[in-house]
Amino acid sequence: MDKPAMASVFRMRHAPATVSGVRSVGRGQADPVIGRRPLGEAIRFVIDAHPHYDISAVSIAFGDGSAPRLGSREVKALWDEYGRRWMEE
């Protein structure tokens, strides 16, 4: 994901988003149920879930559905670029 695309996603951080593909890595631990939330919160959720859940198959759909879904690689790149700004909100 290039910088202009990341900036575009960051500007949409308040758009409604849906997260899927976050899986449990522990025995007896359920996969998380993630309701619809703003894109910025969805990205923070995935980053926070990373040490405790498998995010390799994560997919975040946002906005009106015309934008490409975000996978784990894009989420990590967005967090590296904008994480501090998301934490300040």
N, C-alpha and C. Protein backbone atom coordinates (compact mmCIF):
# COMPACT_ATOMS: atom_id res chain seq x y z
N MET A 1 0.85 -1.17 0.00
CA MET A 1 0.00 0.00 0.00
C MET A 1 0.90 1.23 0.00
N ASP A 2 0.69 2.10 -0.97
CA ASP A 2 1.52 3.29 -1.05
C ASP A 2 0.99 4.39 -0.11
N LYS A 3 1.80 5.43 0.05
CA LYS A 3 1.46 6.51 1.00
C LYS A 3 0.15 7.21 0.66
N PRO A 4 -0.12 7.54 -0.62
CA PRO A 4 -1.41 8.17 -0.92
C PRO A 4 -2.61 7.28 -0.57
N ALA A 5 -2.49 5.99 -0.81
CA ALA A 5 -3.58 5.07 -0.46
C ALA A 5 -3.75 5.01 1.06
N MET A 6 -2.65 4.98 1.80
CA MET A 6 -2.74 4.96 3.26
C MET A 6 -3.38 6.26 3.77
N ALA A 7 -3.02 7.38 3.18
CA ALA A 7 -3.61 8.66 3.59
C ALA A 7 -5.11 8.66 3.33
N SER A 8 -5.53 8.08 2.22
CA SER A 8 -6.94 8.00 1.90
C SER A 8 -7.69 7.15 2.93
N VAL A 9 -7.11 6.03 3.30
CA VAL A 9 -7.73 5.17 4.32
C VAL A 9 -7.77 5.90 5.65
N PHE A 10 -6.70 6.60 6.01
CA PHE A 10 -6.70 7.33 7.28
C PHE A 10 -7.80 8.38 7.30
N ARG A 11 -8.02 9.06 6.19
CA ARG A 11 -9.09 10.06 6.14
C ARG A 11 -10.46 9.41 6.32
N MET A 12 -10.58 8.14 6.00
CA MET A 12 -11.86 7.43 6.14
C MET A 12 -11.98 6.73 7.50
N ARG A 13 -11.14 7.07 8.44
CA ARG A 13 -11.06 6.35 9.72
C ARG A 13 -12.36 6.33 10.51
N HIS A 14 -13.30 7.22 10.18
CA HIS A 14 -14.58 7.24 10.89
C HIS A 14 -15.68 6.48 10.13
N ALA A 15 -15.35 5.98 8.95
CA ALA A 15 -16.32 5.23 8.15
C ALA A 15 -16.65 3.90 8.84
N PRO A 16 -17.88 3.43 8.71
CA PRO A 16 -18.24 2.14 9.30
C PRO A 16 -17.41 1.01 8.70
N ALA A 17 -16.99 0.09 9.56
CA ALA A 17 -16.16 -1.04 9.12
C ALA A 17 -16.61 -2.33 9.79
N THR A 18 -16.31 -3.43 9.13
CA THR A 18 -16.60 -4.76 9.64
C THR A 18 -15.32 -5.57 9.58
N VAL A 19 -14.98 -6.24 10.68
CA VAL A 19 -13.77 -7.05 10.77
C VAL A 19 -14.16 -8.52 10.74
N SER A 20 -13.45 -9.30 9.96
CA SER A 20 -13.63 -10.75 9.96
C SER A 20 -12.26 -11.41 9.87
N GLY A 21 -12.20 -12.69 10.17
CA GLY A 21 -10.97 -13.45 10.02
C GLY A 21 -10.02 -13.43 11.20
N VAL A 22 -10.42 -12.87 12.34
CA VAL A 22 -9.57 -12.91 13.54
C VAL A 22 -9.87 -14.22 14.24
N ARG A 23 -8.85 -15.05 14.45
CA ARG A 23 -9.05 -16.39 14.98
C ARG A 23 -8.31 -16.60 16.29
N SER A 24 -8.89 -17.41 17.14
CA SER A 24 -8.29 -17.76 18.43
C SER A 24 -7.05 -18.62 18.22
N VAL A 25 -6.06 -18.45 19.08
CA VAL A 25 -4.88 -19.32 19.04
C VAL A 25 -4.78 -20.18 20.29
N GLY A 26 -5.65 -19.95 21.26
CA GLY A 26 -5.62 -20.69 22.51
C GLY A 26 -6.65 -21.79 22.58
N ARG A 27 -6.38 -22.78 23.38
CA ARG A 27 -7.35 -23.86 23.58
C ARG A 27 -8.49 -23.34 24.44
N GLY A 28 -9.70 -23.62 24.01
CA GLY A 28 -10.86 -23.20 24.75
C GLY A 28 -11.19 -21.73 24.62
N GLN A 29 -10.43 -21.03 23.82
CA GLN A 29 -10.66 -19.60 23.63
C GLN A 29 -11.50 -19.42 22.37
N ALA A 30 -12.58 -18.68 22.48
CA ALA A 30 -13.47 -18.47 21.34
C ALA A 30 -12.91 -17.41 20.40
N ASP A 31 -13.26 -17.53 19.11
CA ASP A 31 -12.93 -16.47 18.17
C ASP A 31 -13.71 -15.23 18.59
N PRO A 32 -13.10 -14.07 18.50
CA PRO A 32 -13.80 -12.85 18.93
C PRO A 32 -14.96 -12.51 18.00
N VAL A 33 -16.01 -11.98 18.58
CA VAL A 33 -17.14 -11.47 17.81
C VAL A 33 -16.96 -9.96 17.76
N ILE A 34 -16.83 -9.46 16.57
CA ILE A 34 -16.51 -8.05 16.39
C ILE A 34 -17.66 -7.38 15.66
N GLY A 35 -18.33 -6.48 16.34
CA GLY A 35 -19.43 -5.76 15.72
C GLY A 35 -18.94 -4.65 14.82
N ARG A 36 -19.86 -4.05 14.13
CA ARG A 36 -19.54 -2.92 13.24
C ARG A 36 -19.03 -1.76 14.08
N ARG A 37 -17.97 -1.14 13.61
CA ARG A 37 -17.34 -0.03 14.34
C ARG A 37 -16.63 0.87 13.35
N PRO A 38 -16.22 2.07 13.77
CA PRO A 38 -15.46 2.94 12.86
C PRO A 38 -14.15 2.27 12.43
N LEU A 39 -13.71 2.57 11.23
CA LEU A 39 -12.51 1.96 10.67
C LEU A 39 -11.30 2.12 11.58
N GLY A 40 -11.09 3.31 12.13
CA GLY A 40 -9.95 3.52 13.03
C GLY A 40 -9.99 2.58 14.22
N GLU A 41 -11.17 2.39 14.82
CA GLU A 41 -11.31 1.46 15.94
C GLU A 41 -11.07 0.02 15.50
N ALA A 42 -11.54 -0.32 14.30
CA ALA A 42 -11.34 -1.67 13.79
C ALA A 42 -9.86 -1.98 13.62
N ILE A 43 -9.11 -1.02 13.10
CA ILE A 43 -7.66 -1.21 12.93
C ILE A 43 -6.99 -1.33 14.29
N ARG A 44 -7.35 -0.50 15.24
CA ARG A 44 -6.78 -0.60 16.60
C ARG A 44 -7.11 -1.95 17.21
N PHE A 45 -8.34 -2.44 17.01
CA PHE A 45 -8.73 -3.74 17.54
C PHE A 45 -7.82 -4.84 17.00
N VAL A 46 -7.60 -4.83 15.68
CA VAL A 46 -6.77 -5.86 15.06
C VAL A 46 -5.34 -5.79 15.58
N ILE A 47 -4.79 -4.59 15.70
CA ILE A 47 -3.43 -4.45 16.21
C ILE A 47 -3.35 -4.95 17.65
N ASP A 48 -4.32 -4.60 18.47
CA ASP A 48 -4.33 -5.05 19.87
C ASP A 48 -4.55 -6.56 19.98
N ALA A 49 -5.29 -7.14 19.04
CA ALA A 49 -5.57 -8.57 19.06
C ALA A 49 -4.37 -9.40 18.64
N HIS A 50 -3.48 -8.81 17.88
CA HIS A 50 -2.37 -9.53 17.25
C HIS A 50 -1.60 -10.47 18.19
N PRO A 51 -1.19 -10.09 19.36
CA PRO A 51 -0.42 -11.05 20.15
C PRO A 51 -1.26 -12.23 20.67
N HIS A 52 -2.57 -12.04 20.77
CA HIS A 52 -3.42 -13.05 21.38
C HIS A 52 -4.26 -13.83 20.39
N TYR A 53 -4.37 -13.34 19.18
CA TYR A 53 -5.19 -13.97 18.15
C TYR A 53 -4.41 -14.02 16.85
N ASP A 54 -4.79 -14.95 15.99
CA ASP A 54 -4.21 -15.08 14.65
C ASP A 54 -4.91 -14.08 13.74
N ILE A 55 -4.18 -13.14 13.21
CA ILE A 55 -4.77 -12.14 12.32
C ILE A 55 -4.33 -12.35 10.87
N SER A 56 -3.74 -13.49 10.57
CA SER A 56 -3.23 -13.71 9.21
C SER A 56 -4.33 -13.70 8.16
N ALA A 57 -5.56 -14.04 8.54
CA ALA A 57 -6.67 -14.06 7.58
C ALA A 57 -7.63 -12.89 7.78
N VAL A 58 -7.19 -11.86 8.52
CA VAL A 58 -8.08 -10.73 8.80
C VAL A 58 -8.48 -10.01 7.52
N SER A 59 -9.71 -9.51 7.53
CA SER A 59 -10.23 -8.73 6.42
C SER A 59 -11.11 -7.63 7.01
N ILE A 60 -10.82 -6.40 6.65
CA ILE A 60 -11.63 -5.27 7.11
C ILE A 60 -12.30 -4.64 5.90
N ALA A 61 -13.63 -4.70 5.89
CA ALA A 61 -14.42 -4.03 4.86
C ALA A 61 -14.88 -2.71 5.45
N PHE A 62 -14.85 -1.63 4.65
CA PHE A 62 -15.22 -0.33 5.20
C PHE A 62 -15.88 0.53 4.14
N GLY A 63 -16.53 1.58 4.64
CA GLY A 63 -17.19 2.52 3.74
C GLY A 63 -18.36 1.88 3.02
N ASP A 64 -18.53 2.25 1.77
CA ASP A 64 -19.67 1.73 1.00
C ASP A 64 -19.36 0.39 0.33
N GLY A 65 -18.22 -0.18 0.62
CA GLY A 65 -17.85 -1.48 0.06
C GLY A 65 -17.09 -1.41 -1.24
N SER A 66 -16.92 -0.21 -1.79
CA SER A 66 -16.21 -0.10 -3.07
C SER A 66 -14.68 -0.11 -2.88
N ALA A 67 -14.23 0.21 -1.68
CA ALA A 67 -12.79 0.21 -1.40
C ALA A 67 -12.30 -1.22 -1.21
N PRO A 68 -11.07 -1.51 -1.58
CA PRO A 68 -10.53 -2.86 -1.35
C PRO A 68 -10.48 -3.15 0.15
N ARG A 69 -10.71 -4.40 0.49
CA ARG A 69 -10.63 -4.80 1.90
C ARG A 69 -9.18 -4.71 2.37
N LEU A 70 -9.02 -4.48 3.66
CA LEU A 70 -7.69 -4.41 4.25
C LEU A 70 -7.35 -5.75 4.87
N GLY A 71 -6.17 -6.27 4.56
CA GLY A 71 -5.67 -7.50 5.16
C GLY A 71 -4.66 -7.18 6.25
N SER A 72 -4.07 -8.20 6.83
CA SER A 72 -3.15 -7.99 7.95
C SER A 72 -1.95 -7.14 7.54
N ARG A 73 -1.44 -7.32 6.35
CA ARG A 73 -0.29 -6.53 5.88
C ARG A 73 -0.65 -5.04 5.83
N GLU A 74 -1.82 -4.72 5.26
CA GLU A 74 -2.25 -3.33 5.16
C GLU A 74 -2.51 -2.73 6.54
N VAL A 75 -3.12 -3.52 7.42
CA VAL A 75 -3.39 -3.03 8.78
C VAL A 75 -2.08 -2.69 9.49
N LYS A 76 -1.11 -3.57 9.38
CA LYS A 76 0.19 -3.31 10.03
C LYS A 76 0.87 -2.08 9.44
N ALA A 77 0.82 -1.93 8.11
CA ALA A 77 1.43 -0.77 7.46
C ALA A 77 0.73 0.53 7.89
N LEU A 78 -0.60 0.49 7.94
CA LEU A 78 -1.35 1.67 8.38
C LEU A 78 -1.01 2.02 9.82
N TRP A 79 -0.88 1.01 10.67
CA TRP A 79 -0.55 1.26 12.06
C TRP A 79 0.86 1.84 12.19
N ASP A 80 1.79 1.31 11.41
CA ASP A 80 3.15 1.84 11.44
C ASP A 80 3.17 3.32 11.04
N GLU A 81 2.35 3.68 10.06
CA GLU A 81 2.32 5.05 9.55
C GLU A 81 1.49 5.99 10.43
N TYR A 82 0.35 5.52 10.95
CA TYR A 82 -0.60 6.41 11.62
C TYR A 82 -0.95 5.99 13.05
N GLY A 83 -0.32 4.98 13.58
CA GLY A 83 -0.69 4.46 14.90
C GLY A 83 -0.72 5.50 15.99
N ARG A 84 0.28 6.33 16.04
CA ARG A 84 0.33 7.38 17.08
C ARG A 84 -0.86 8.32 16.95
N ARG A 85 -1.20 8.69 15.72
CA ARG A 85 -2.34 9.60 15.50
C ARG A 85 -3.65 8.93 15.90
N TRP A 86 -3.77 7.60 15.65
CA TRP A 86 -4.98 6.89 16.06
C TRP A 86 -5.07 6.82 17.58
N MET A 87 -3.95 6.71 18.24
CA MET A 87 -3.94 6.63 19.69
C MET A 87 -4.32 7.97 20.33
N GLU A 88 -4.08 9.06 19.62
CA GLU A 88 -4.39 10.39 20.15
C GLU A 88 -5.86 10.74 20.05
N GLU A 89 -6.60 9.99 19.26
CA GLU A 89 -8.04 10.30 19.07
C GLU A 89 -8.87 9.69 20.16
